[in-house]
Each structure stands twice: as C-alpha cells, then as structure tokens.
C-alpha cells in the first residue's frame, strides 16, 4: 500500500489525503481507478470546510477526517490557492500551481 505525500498548498496549508484499504475512503480498496471519498489527516490548521468529518473536533490538527467527499477536498485545495506539492488519490484533479 502506497501512502501519498502530504498536500502542501500555495498559502502553506498542509494535509494528508489518503485512499487505500486501510483508510476511511470509498471504495475502501487499494489502487482503485477513482475514489469518491478519501481520508484527510492532520491538517496544519483548523479548516472549517472539513469540520463536518472531523473525528476529534477538539483537536482539529491532530486527528483524521473520514470519508471526506472528493469535491470537499478539491474545494479546500482551491481555497488555499492550489497545490504546490504532494499527492492525491486516483480520480482527483491536480490543482497544481507554480510558486514564483
């Protein structure tokens, strides 16, 4: 099982986005062609768009967020200026931006 490198956004926001048989995702299998939900983990700051899926709301940067819809993850990345580095599960568009 391959783990994705954390997503780092243009404004410095970071989060892990995982999808495999050991994570909270749909489908819950390794190497799917497309994931509709993924597990977000350990964001660098509290992100209101993710709080609905937060496992430990009193510790929003020290917990995981299960079965977060693909579109919510895309919205979080867009909100933070796009992705500078990192990896996303299969089926997610890469909202990559170049740093100047």
N, C-alpha and C. Protein backbone atom coordinates (compact mmCIF):
# COMPACT_ATOMS: atom_id res chain seq x y z
N UNK A 1 0.85 -1.18 0.00
CA UNK A 1 0.00 0.00 0.00
C UNK A 1 0.89 1.24 0.00
N UNK A 2 0.69 2.11 -0.96
CA UNK A 2 1.45 3.34 -1.09
C UNK A 2 0.74 4.46 -0.34
N UNK A 3 1.51 5.21 0.42
CA UNK A 3 0.95 6.38 1.09
C UNK A 3 1.31 7.62 0.29
N UNK A 4 0.33 8.50 0.14
CA UNK A 4 0.55 9.74 -0.59
C UNK A 4 1.36 10.72 0.24
N UNK A 5 2.19 11.48 -0.45
CA UNK A 5 2.91 12.58 0.21
C UNK A 5 1.89 13.65 0.60
N UNK A 6 2.08 14.34 1.72
CA UNK A 6 1.13 15.37 2.14
C UNK A 6 0.97 16.46 1.07
N UNK A 7 -0.23 16.96 0.97
CA UNK A 7 -0.54 18.08 0.09
C UNK A 7 -0.07 19.36 0.78
N UNK A 8 0.66 20.17 0.05
CA UNK A 8 1.07 21.49 0.54
C UNK A 8 0.48 22.51 -0.43
N UNK A 9 -0.29 23.44 0.10
CA UNK A 9 -0.96 24.44 -0.73
C UNK A 9 -0.14 25.72 -0.82
N UNK A 10 -0.52 26.58 -1.77
CA UNK A 10 0.22 27.81 -2.04
C UNK A 10 0.33 28.72 -0.81
N UNK A 11 -0.68 28.71 0.05
CA UNK A 11 -0.63 29.58 1.24
C UNK A 11 0.02 28.90 2.44
N UNK A 12 0.55 27.69 2.25
CA UNK A 12 1.23 26.98 3.34
C UNK A 12 0.38 25.94 4.05
N UNK A 13 -0.92 25.91 3.79
CA UNK A 13 -1.79 24.90 4.39
C UNK A 13 -1.34 23.52 3.95
N UNK A 14 -1.34 22.56 4.89
CA UNK A 14 -0.91 21.18 4.61
C UNK A 14 -1.95 20.20 5.13
N UNK A 15 -2.07 19.07 4.44
CA UNK A 15 -2.92 17.98 4.92
C UNK A 15 -2.52 16.71 4.19
N UNK A 16 -2.77 15.60 4.83
CA UNK A 16 -2.58 14.30 4.22
C UNK A 16 -3.91 13.89 3.58
N UNK A 17 -3.86 13.31 2.38
CA UNK A 17 -5.06 12.81 1.71
C UNK A 17 -4.76 11.38 1.26
N UNK A 18 -5.43 10.42 1.90
CA UNK A 18 -5.14 9.01 1.66
C UNK A 18 -6.39 8.25 1.20
N UNK A 19 -6.17 7.24 0.38
CA UNK A 19 -7.25 6.35 -0.04
C UNK A 19 -6.65 4.98 -0.35
N UNK A 20 -6.93 4.01 0.51
CA UNK A 20 -6.48 2.63 0.34
C UNK A 20 -7.28 1.78 1.31
N UNK A 21 -7.07 0.48 1.32
CA UNK A 21 -7.91 -0.40 2.15
C UNK A 21 -7.80 -0.12 3.64
N UNK A 22 -6.75 0.55 4.08
CA UNK A 22 -6.59 0.85 5.49
C UNK A 22 -7.04 2.24 5.89
N UNK A 23 -7.62 2.99 4.97
CA UNK A 23 -8.06 4.35 5.28
C UNK A 23 -9.57 4.47 5.16
N UNK A 24 -10.08 5.57 5.66
CA UNK A 24 -11.52 5.84 5.62
C UNK A 24 -11.85 6.47 4.28
N UNK A 25 -12.12 5.63 3.27
CA UNK A 25 -12.37 6.11 1.92
C UNK A 25 -13.42 5.23 1.24
N UNK A 26 -13.86 5.70 0.06
CA UNK A 26 -14.79 4.94 -0.76
C UNK A 26 -14.27 4.96 -2.19
N UNK A 27 -14.05 3.80 -2.80
CA UNK A 27 -14.14 2.46 -2.23
C UNK A 27 -12.96 2.21 -1.28
N UNK A 28 -13.14 1.31 -0.37
CA UNK A 28 -12.10 1.03 0.63
C UNK A 28 -11.24 -0.13 0.15
N UNK A 29 -10.50 0.14 -0.92
CA UNK A 29 -9.62 -0.85 -1.55
C UNK A 29 -8.33 -0.15 -1.97
N UNK A 30 -7.30 -0.94 -2.23
CA UNK A 30 -6.06 -0.40 -2.77
C UNK A 30 -6.18 -0.22 -4.28
N UNK A 31 -5.55 0.81 -4.79
CA UNK A 31 -5.38 1.00 -6.23
C UNK A 31 -6.66 1.08 -7.04
N UNK A 32 -7.70 1.69 -6.48
CA UNK A 32 -8.92 1.92 -7.27
C UNK A 32 -8.62 2.93 -8.38
N UNK A 33 -9.40 2.90 -9.42
CA UNK A 33 -9.23 3.87 -10.51
C UNK A 33 -9.77 5.24 -10.13
N UNK A 34 -10.70 5.26 -9.17
CA UNK A 34 -11.39 6.50 -8.83
C UNK A 34 -11.92 6.38 -7.40
N UNK A 35 -11.64 7.36 -6.58
CA UNK A 35 -12.17 7.39 -5.20
C UNK A 35 -13.15 8.55 -5.09
N UNK A 36 -14.31 8.28 -4.51
CA UNK A 36 -15.31 9.33 -4.32
C UNK A 36 -15.17 10.02 -2.97
N UNK A 37 -14.54 9.33 -2.01
CA UNK A 37 -14.29 9.89 -0.68
C UNK A 37 -12.90 9.44 -0.24
N UNK A 38 -12.23 10.29 0.53
CA UNK A 38 -10.89 9.95 0.99
C UNK A 38 -10.72 10.39 2.44
N UNK A 39 -9.65 9.91 3.04
CA UNK A 39 -9.31 10.27 4.41
C UNK A 39 -8.35 11.45 4.39
N UNK A 40 -8.71 12.49 5.13
CA UNK A 40 -7.83 13.64 5.32
C UNK A 40 -7.25 13.51 6.72
N UNK A 41 -5.98 13.83 6.86
CA UNK A 41 -5.37 13.72 8.17
C UNK A 41 -4.47 14.88 8.50
N UNK A 42 -4.49 15.25 9.75
CA UNK A 42 -3.54 16.17 10.36
C UNK A 42 -3.32 17.46 9.58
N UNK A 43 -4.39 18.21 9.31
CA UNK A 43 -4.20 19.49 8.62
C UNK A 43 -3.38 20.44 9.48
N UNK A 44 -2.71 21.36 8.84
CA UNK A 44 -1.83 22.28 9.55
C UNK A 44 -2.59 23.33 10.35
N UNK A 45 -3.87 23.50 10.05
CA UNK A 45 -4.71 24.42 10.81
C UNK A 45 -6.15 23.95 10.72
N UNK A 46 -7.00 24.47 11.60
CA UNK A 46 -8.42 24.14 11.56
C UNK A 46 -9.00 24.65 10.25
N UNK A 47 -9.66 23.78 9.51
CA UNK A 47 -10.25 24.15 8.23
C UNK A 47 -11.75 23.94 8.32
N UNK A 48 -12.55 25.04 8.35
CA UNK A 48 -14.00 24.92 8.50
C UNK A 48 -14.67 24.01 7.48
N UNK A 49 -14.18 23.96 6.25
CA UNK A 49 -14.80 23.12 5.22
C UNK A 49 -14.71 21.63 5.57
N UNK A 50 -13.76 21.25 6.43
CA UNK A 50 -13.56 19.84 6.78
C UNK A 50 -14.22 19.43 8.09
N UNK A 51 -14.64 20.36 8.91
CA UNK A 51 -15.04 20.05 10.28
C UNK A 51 -16.20 19.05 10.40
N UNK A 52 -17.06 18.98 9.44
CA UNK A 52 -18.17 18.02 9.45
C UNK A 52 -17.68 16.57 9.55
N UNK A 53 -16.47 16.31 9.07
CA UNK A 53 -15.92 14.94 9.04
C UNK A 53 -14.83 14.71 10.09
N UNK A 54 -14.63 15.67 10.98
CA UNK A 54 -13.55 15.62 11.96
C UNK A 54 -13.82 14.57 13.04
N UNK A 55 -12.87 13.66 13.23
CA UNK A 55 -13.01 12.61 14.24
C UNK A 55 -12.89 13.17 15.66
N UNK A 56 -12.02 14.15 15.87
CA UNK A 56 -11.81 14.76 17.20
C UNK A 56 -11.86 16.28 17.07
N UNK A 57 -13.08 16.86 17.07
CA UNK A 57 -13.22 18.30 16.85
C UNK A 57 -12.44 19.19 17.82
N UNK A 58 -12.17 18.68 19.01
CA UNK A 58 -11.42 19.50 19.97
C UNK A 58 -9.91 19.50 19.65
N UNK A 59 -9.48 18.67 18.70
CA UNK A 59 -8.07 18.61 18.26
C UNK A 59 -8.02 18.58 16.74
N UNK A 60 -8.47 19.62 16.06
CA UNK A 60 -8.63 19.55 14.60
C UNK A 60 -7.34 19.37 13.80
N UNK A 61 -6.18 19.65 14.38
CA UNK A 61 -4.93 19.46 13.63
C UNK A 61 -4.22 18.17 14.01
N UNK A 62 -4.79 17.43 14.95
CA UNK A 62 -4.15 16.21 15.46
C UNK A 62 -5.09 15.02 15.35
N UNK A 63 -5.79 14.92 14.22
CA UNK A 63 -6.79 13.86 14.05
C UNK A 63 -7.00 13.59 12.57
N UNK A 64 -7.88 12.64 12.28
CA UNK A 64 -8.24 12.33 10.90
C UNK A 64 -9.69 12.71 10.63
N UNK A 65 -9.99 12.80 9.36
CA UNK A 65 -11.32 13.17 8.86
C UNK A 65 -11.70 12.06 7.88
N UNK A 66 -12.68 11.25 8.25
CA UNK A 66 -13.02 10.10 7.45
C UNK A 66 -14.09 10.35 6.41
N UNK A 67 -13.94 9.67 5.29
CA UNK A 67 -14.92 9.69 4.20
C UNK A 67 -15.28 11.11 3.75
N UNK A 68 -14.26 11.93 3.56
CA UNK A 68 -14.48 13.30 3.09
C UNK A 68 -14.75 13.24 1.58
N UNK A 69 -15.87 13.82 1.14
CA UNK A 69 -16.18 13.78 -0.30
C UNK A 69 -15.07 14.43 -1.14
N UNK A 70 -14.84 13.84 -2.27
CA UNK A 70 -13.82 14.31 -3.21
C UNK A 70 -13.96 15.81 -3.48
N UNK A 71 -15.18 16.29 -3.71
CA UNK A 71 -15.38 17.71 -4.04
C UNK A 71 -15.00 18.62 -2.88
N UNK A 72 -15.21 18.19 -1.65
CA UNK A 72 -14.83 19.00 -0.48
C UNK A 72 -13.30 19.14 -0.44
N UNK A 73 -12.59 18.06 -0.69
CA UNK A 73 -11.12 18.11 -0.70
C UNK A 73 -10.63 19.04 -1.81
N UNK A 74 -11.25 18.96 -2.97
CA UNK A 74 -10.90 19.85 -4.08
C UNK A 74 -11.15 21.30 -3.68
N UNK A 75 -12.28 21.55 -3.02
CA UNK A 75 -12.61 22.92 -2.59
C UNK A 75 -11.60 23.44 -1.58
N UNK A 76 -11.15 22.59 -0.66
CA UNK A 76 -10.16 23.00 0.34
C UNK A 76 -8.86 23.40 -0.36
N UNK A 77 -8.42 22.58 -1.31
CA UNK A 77 -7.18 22.88 -2.04
C UNK A 77 -7.33 24.19 -2.80
N UNK A 78 -8.44 24.39 -3.47
CA UNK A 78 -8.68 25.63 -4.22
C UNK A 78 -8.71 26.83 -3.28
N UNK A 79 -9.35 26.69 -2.13
CA UNK A 79 -9.45 27.78 -1.15
C UNK A 79 -8.07 28.24 -0.70
N UNK A 80 -7.14 27.29 -0.62
CA UNK A 80 -5.80 27.60 -0.13
C UNK A 80 -4.81 27.88 -1.27
N UNK A 81 -5.34 28.21 -2.44
CA UNK A 81 -4.51 28.69 -3.54
C UNK A 81 -3.96 27.64 -4.47
N UNK A 82 -4.41 26.40 -4.32
CA UNK A 82 -3.93 25.32 -5.17
C UNK A 82 -2.79 24.57 -4.51
N UNK A 83 -2.41 23.47 -5.13
CA UNK A 83 -1.42 22.56 -4.60
C UNK A 83 -0.03 22.89 -5.17
N UNK A 84 0.95 23.01 -4.27
CA UNK A 84 2.32 23.26 -4.70
C UNK A 84 3.06 21.93 -4.81
N UNK A 85 2.89 21.06 -3.80
CA UNK A 85 3.49 19.73 -3.81
C UNK A 85 2.53 18.76 -3.15
N UNK A 86 2.83 17.48 -3.29
CA UNK A 86 2.03 16.44 -2.66
C UNK A 86 1.37 15.54 -3.67
N UNK A 87 0.57 14.61 -3.14
CA UNK A 87 -0.10 13.63 -3.99
C UNK A 87 -1.54 13.46 -3.53
N UNK A 88 -2.39 13.15 -4.51
CA UNK A 88 -3.81 12.90 -4.25
C UNK A 88 -4.17 11.51 -4.74
N UNK A 89 -5.24 10.92 -4.20
CA UNK A 89 -5.69 9.61 -4.68
C UNK A 89 -6.15 9.66 -6.13
N UNK A 90 -6.27 8.49 -6.72
CA UNK A 90 -6.73 8.36 -8.10
C UNK A 90 -8.10 9.02 -8.28
N UNK A 91 -8.27 9.69 -9.40
CA UNK A 91 -9.54 10.31 -9.72
C UNK A 91 -9.67 11.75 -9.25
N UNK A 92 -8.68 12.26 -8.51
CA UNK A 92 -8.70 13.65 -8.06
C UNK A 92 -7.96 14.51 -9.07
N UNK A 93 -8.53 15.66 -9.44
CA UNK A 93 -7.78 16.55 -10.34
C UNK A 93 -6.61 17.17 -9.58
N UNK A 94 -5.52 17.37 -10.28
CA UNK A 94 -4.35 18.00 -9.66
C UNK A 94 -4.47 19.51 -9.87
N UNK A 95 -4.73 20.22 -8.81
CA UNK A 95 -4.85 21.67 -8.86
C UNK A 95 -3.48 22.28 -8.54
N UNK A 96 -2.51 21.94 -9.39
CA UNK A 96 -1.14 22.38 -9.15
C UNK A 96 -0.94 23.83 -9.56
N UNK A 97 -0.16 24.53 -8.75
CA UNK A 97 0.24 25.90 -9.07
C UNK A 97 1.75 25.98 -8.94
N UNK A 98 2.34 26.85 -9.73
CA UNK A 98 3.79 27.06 -9.65
C UNK A 98 4.07 28.21 -8.71
N UNK A 99 5.04 28.01 -7.87
CA UNK A 99 5.49 29.07 -6.97
C UNK A 99 6.39 30.00 -7.75
N UNK A 100 6.24 31.30 -7.55
CA UNK A 100 7.11 32.25 -8.26
C UNK A 100 8.31 32.62 -7.43
